[in-house]
Amino acid sequence: MQLSTTGSSLPIDMLPEGLRQLSAFLPFTYSIESYRSIITLGITSNMWENISVLFLYFIIFSVFALIVFFVRYRFGK
């Protein structure tokens, strides 16, 4: 699902409205966007913005994984 909605095969502007809105919540969108801006244009300012969004995803899902781990470890026995 992520490959077809994150702009890897088609630009996000060519996607239907629903998929365009969904792509804003997928982390692979930001990875592909920063990769494209570095490779094709050599622009690094956009890259740091996308890296910060990816880091935010990392923090959120790491905290969620730790919560799940501690709950399962404590109540799983």
Protein backbone atom coordinates (compact mmCIF):
# COMPACT_ATOMS: atom_id res chain seq x y z
CA MET A 1 0.00 0.00 0.00
CA GLN A 2 2.79 2.41 0.84
CA LEU A 3 4.54 2.11 -2.50
CA SER A 4 1.48 3.05 -4.52
CA THR A 5 0.39 5.94 -2.31
CA THR A 6 3.68 7.60 -1.37
CA GLY A 7 4.77 8.92 -4.73
CA SER A 8 7.24 6.21 -5.63
CA SER A 9 5.57 5.18 -8.88
CA LEU A 10 3.37 8.24 -9.53
CA PRO A 11 3.62 11.79 -8.22
CA ILE A 12 1.33 12.39 -5.27
CA ASP A 13 -0.47 15.13 -7.20
CA MET A 14 -1.72 12.53 -9.70
CA LEU A 15 -3.34 10.35 -7.02
CA PRO A 16 -7.05 10.55 -6.16
CA GLU A 17 -7.93 12.93 -3.34
CA GLY A 18 -8.43 10.19 -0.73
CA LEU A 19 -5.06 8.60 -1.41
CA ARG A 20 -3.38 12.00 -1.46
CA GLN A 21 -4.64 12.66 2.06
CA LEU A 22 -3.60 9.19 3.18
CA SER A 23 -0.06 9.62 1.87
CA ALA A 24 0.56 12.47 4.31
CA PHE A 25 0.33 9.95 7.17
CA LEU A 26 2.69 7.34 5.70
CA PRO A 27 6.37 7.63 6.66
CA PHE A 28 7.64 6.35 3.31
CA THR A 29 6.28 9.53 1.66
CA TYR A 30 8.81 11.65 3.53
CA SER A 31 11.64 9.26 2.80
CA ILE A 32 10.97 9.28 -0.94
CA GLU A 33 10.50 13.06 -1.01
CA SER A 34 13.84 13.74 0.66
CA TYR A 35 15.61 11.19 -1.54
CA ARG A 36 14.22 12.84 -4.67
CA SER A 37 15.14 16.33 -3.56
CA ILE A 38 18.74 15.30 -2.89
CA ILE A 39 19.26 13.22 -6.02
CA THR A 40 17.52 15.39 -8.59
CA LEU A 41 17.80 18.92 -7.23
CA GLY A 42 20.58 18.80 -4.64
CA ILE A 43 18.37 20.64 -2.12
CA THR A 44 19.10 19.69 1.47
CA SER A 45 16.71 22.07 3.30
CA ASN A 46 13.73 19.92 2.36
CA MET A 47 15.67 16.85 3.45
CA TRP A 48 16.04 18.04 7.05
CA GLU A 49 12.33 18.77 7.30
CA ASN A 50 11.53 15.24 6.12
CA ILE A 51 14.12 13.70 8.42
CA SER A 52 12.56 15.49 11.39
CA VAL A 53 9.14 14.07 10.46
CA LEU A 54 10.66 10.59 10.16
CA PHE A 55 12.35 11.04 13.54
CA LEU A 56 9.00 11.99 15.04
CA TYR A 57 7.51 8.77 13.63
CA PHE A 58 10.43 6.87 15.16
CA ILE A 59 9.88 8.39 18.61
CA ILE A 60 6.12 7.80 18.58
CA PHE A 61 6.35 4.17 17.49
CA SER A 62 9.27 3.45 19.82
CA VAL A 63 7.28 4.70 22.79
CA PHE A 64 4.29 2.66 21.64
CA ALA A 65 6.46 -0.47 21.27
CA LEU A 66 7.92 0.01 24.75
CA ILE A 67 4.47 0.39 26.26
CA VAL A 68 3.29 -2.79 24.55
CA PHE A 69 6.44 -4.63 25.64
CA PHE A 70 6.11 -3.60 29.29
CA VAL A 71 2.40 -4.40 29.42
CA ARG A 72 2.89 -7.83 27.86
CA TYR A 73 5.93 -8.54 30.05
CA ARG A 74 4.22 -7.51 33.25
CA PHE A 75 0.79 -9.06 32.64
CA GLY A 76 1.81 -11.87 30.32
CA LYS A 77 3.11 -14.18 33.03
